[in-house]
């Protein structure tokens, strides 16, 4: 599903560039899905652990105030981590969409740079994205679509 060049584009998109951009888009969507699943898992884990802290301390006759603090801190940590991971999910999803539409080059660079911190798969995908986006023909395509 290649949108093809827009009228006024400097030159037709060659098959290698189109193939690489489409593959990168799919891989970025897969990365987003993995981040989304990870986000749900992390939030679920922390909420479950917070609930268990509160339940076991109160059911065993322990200090209810201490249990409430431990449960609250654990749940708050899970919510904060969920918000950060959710923002990363959205960033990578928008980057994948930008690759598909041949738009948002700066956003794709930012997402790829952050992705490079996830060794080894994220690093490979991030570096490959930098290589493809660095090609002059791909730069020209993104510049033509930026209007």
Protein backbone atom coordinates (compact mmCIF):
# COMPACT_ATOMS: atom_id res chain seq x y z
CA UNK A 1 0.00 0.00 0.00
CA UNK A 2 2.42 2.60 -1.25
CA UNK A 3 0.91 6.09 -1.50
CA UNK A 4 3.39 6.93 -4.25
CA UNK A 5 4.88 10.30 -5.00
CA UNK A 6 2.76 13.42 -4.85
CA UNK A 7 2.47 15.76 -7.80
CA UNK A 8 5.53 17.95 -7.87
CA UNK A 9 7.69 15.35 -6.14
CA UNK A 10 11.31 15.56 -7.31
CA UNK A 11 11.38 12.03 -8.68
CA UNK A 12 9.51 8.79 -8.48
CA UNK A 13 10.16 6.70 -5.41
CA UNK A 14 12.37 3.80 -6.35
CA UNK A 15 11.33 0.28 -5.43
CA UNK A 16 14.08 -0.17 -2.80
CA UNK A 17 13.09 2.98 -0.92
CA UNK A 18 9.40 2.09 -1.06
CA UNK A 19 10.08 -1.44 0.13
CA UNK A 20 12.34 -0.28 2.97
CA UNK A 21 9.89 2.39 4.15
CA UNK A 22 6.97 -0.05 4.07
CA UNK A 23 8.97 -2.66 6.00
CA UNK A 24 10.06 -0.04 8.54
CA UNK A 25 6.46 1.04 8.98
CA UNK A 26 5.35 -2.51 9.73
CA UNK A 27 8.24 -3.06 12.14
CA UNK A 28 7.48 0.20 13.95
CA UNK A 29 3.83 -0.88 14.27
CA UNK A 30 5.00 -4.20 15.73
CA UNK A 31 7.28 -2.31 18.14
CA UNK A 32 4.31 -0.16 19.16
CA UNK A 33 2.21 -3.24 19.79
CA UNK A 34 4.95 -4.73 21.97
CA UNK A 35 5.15 -1.46 23.92
CA UNK A 36 1.37 -1.45 24.34
CA UNK A 37 1.37 -5.00 25.70
CA UNK A 38 4.28 -4.17 27.97
CA UNK A 39 2.45 -1.11 29.26
CA UNK A 40 -0.61 -3.15 30.15
CA UNK A 41 1.57 -5.76 31.84
CA UNK A 42 3.51 -3.23 33.91
CA UNK A 43 0.42 -1.35 35.05
CA UNK A 44 -1.38 -4.60 35.84
CA UNK A 45 1.59 -5.90 37.81
CA UNK A 46 1.94 -2.80 39.97
CA UNK A 47 -1.80 -2.50 40.62
CA UNK A 48 -1.93 -6.19 41.56
CA UNK A 49 1.10 -5.89 43.84
CA UNK A 50 -0.30 -2.75 45.47
CA UNK A 51 -3.56 -4.55 46.11
CA UNK A 52 -1.74 -7.55 47.54
CA UNK A 53 0.30 -5.32 49.86
CA UNK A 54 -2.87 -3.78 51.20
CA UNK A 55 -4.78 -7.05 51.47
CA UNK A 56 -2.10 -9.15 53.15
CA UNK A 57 -1.18 -6.50 55.71
CA UNK A 58 -4.76 -5.88 56.76
CA UNK A 59 -5.81 -9.53 56.73
CA UNK A 60 -2.84 -10.63 58.85
CA UNK A 61 -3.52 -7.99 61.48
CA UNK A 62 -0.56 -5.82 60.49
CA UNK A 63 -0.29 -2.07 60.53
CA UNK A 64 -3.11 -0.78 58.31
CA UNK A 65 -1.53 2.67 57.87
CA UNK A 66 1.79 1.22 56.70
CA UNK A 67 0.00 -1.15 54.36
CA UNK A 68 -1.99 1.70 52.86
CA UNK A 69 1.18 3.72 52.26
CA UNK A 70 2.97 0.76 50.66
CA UNK A 71 -0.03 -0.02 48.49
CA UNK A 72 -0.45 3.62 47.47
CA UNK A 73 3.22 4.07 46.58
CA UNK A 74 3.24 0.86 44.57
CA UNK A 75 0.10 1.78 42.65
CA UNK A 76 1.36 5.35 42.07
CA UNK A 77 4.64 3.99 40.71
CA UNK A 78 2.70 1.74 38.37
CA UNK A 79 0.57 4.62 37.13
CA UNK A 80 3.63 6.81 36.50
CA UNK A 81 5.38 4.00 34.63
CA UNK A 82 2.20 3.35 32.68
CA UNK A 83 1.97 7.01 31.64
CA UNK A 84 5.60 7.06 30.48
CA UNK A 85 5.24 3.79 28.60
CA UNK A 86 1.90 4.94 27.14
CA UNK A 87 3.58 8.10 25.84
CA UNK A 88 6.31 5.98 24.25
CA UNK A 89 3.64 3.75 22.69
CA UNK A 90 1.93 6.80 21.18
CA UNK A 91 5.24 8.22 19.94
CA UNK A 92 6.19 4.99 18.18
CA UNK A 93 2.69 4.52 16.78
CA UNK A 94 2.78 8.01 15.27
CA UNK A 95 6.26 7.31 13.89
CA UNK A 96 4.98 4.14 12.22
CA UNK A 97 2.09 6.10 10.76
CA UNK A 98 4.51 8.77 9.55
CA UNK A 99 6.62 6.15 7.81
CA UNK A 100 3.52 4.82 6.08
CA UNK A 101 2.46 8.33 4.98
CA UNK A 102 6.02 9.53 4.29
CA UNK A 103 5.57 12.41 6.78
CA UNK A 104 6.81 13.45 10.28
CA UNK A 105 10.50 12.84 9.66
CA UNK A 106 11.66 14.62 12.84
CA UNK A 107 9.22 12.61 14.96
CA UNK A 108 10.51 9.41 13.36
CA UNK A 109 14.09 10.43 14.18
CA UNK A 110 13.15 11.09 17.82
CA UNK A 111 11.31 7.77 18.12
CA UNK A 112 14.22 5.92 16.49
CA UNK A 113 16.74 7.56 18.82
CA UNK A 114 14.71 6.47 21.85
CA UNK A 115 14.31 3.03 20.31
CA UNK A 116 18.10 2.66 20.12
CA UNK A 117 18.21 2.41 23.93
CA UNK A 118 16.38 -0.93 23.76
CA UNK A 119 19.23 -3.32 23.03
CA UNK A 120 19.40 -5.36 20.78
CA UNK A 121 16.18 -5.26 18.71
CA UNK A 122 15.38 -1.60 19.24
CA UNK A 123 18.94 -0.63 18.40
CA UNK A 124 18.83 -2.56 15.13
CA UNK A 125 15.49 -1.09 14.13
CA UNK A 126 16.52 2.42 15.15
CA UNK A 127 19.81 2.30 13.25
CA UNK A 128 18.13 0.84 10.16
CA UNK A 129 15.57 3.65 10.32
CA UNK A 130 18.37 6.25 10.48
CA UNK A 131 20.09 4.64 7.48
CA UNK A 132 16.93 4.62 5.35
CA UNK A 133 15.85 8.15 6.33
CA UNK A 134 19.37 9.40 5.58
CA UNK A 135 19.14 8.52 1.90
CA UNK A 136 18.85 11.63 -0.30
CA UNK A 137 15.92 10.17 -2.26
CA UNK A 138 13.98 9.46 0.95
CA UNK A 139 14.78 12.93 2.34
CA UNK A 140 13.45 14.47 -0.87
CA UNK A 141 10.29 12.38 -0.62
CA UNK A 142 9.63 13.44 2.96
CA UNK A 143 10.34 17.07 2.06
CA UNK A 144 7.88 16.89 -0.84
CA UNK A 145 5.19 15.39 1.45
CA UNK A 146 5.77 17.96 4.20
CA UNK A 147 3.62 20.56 2.43
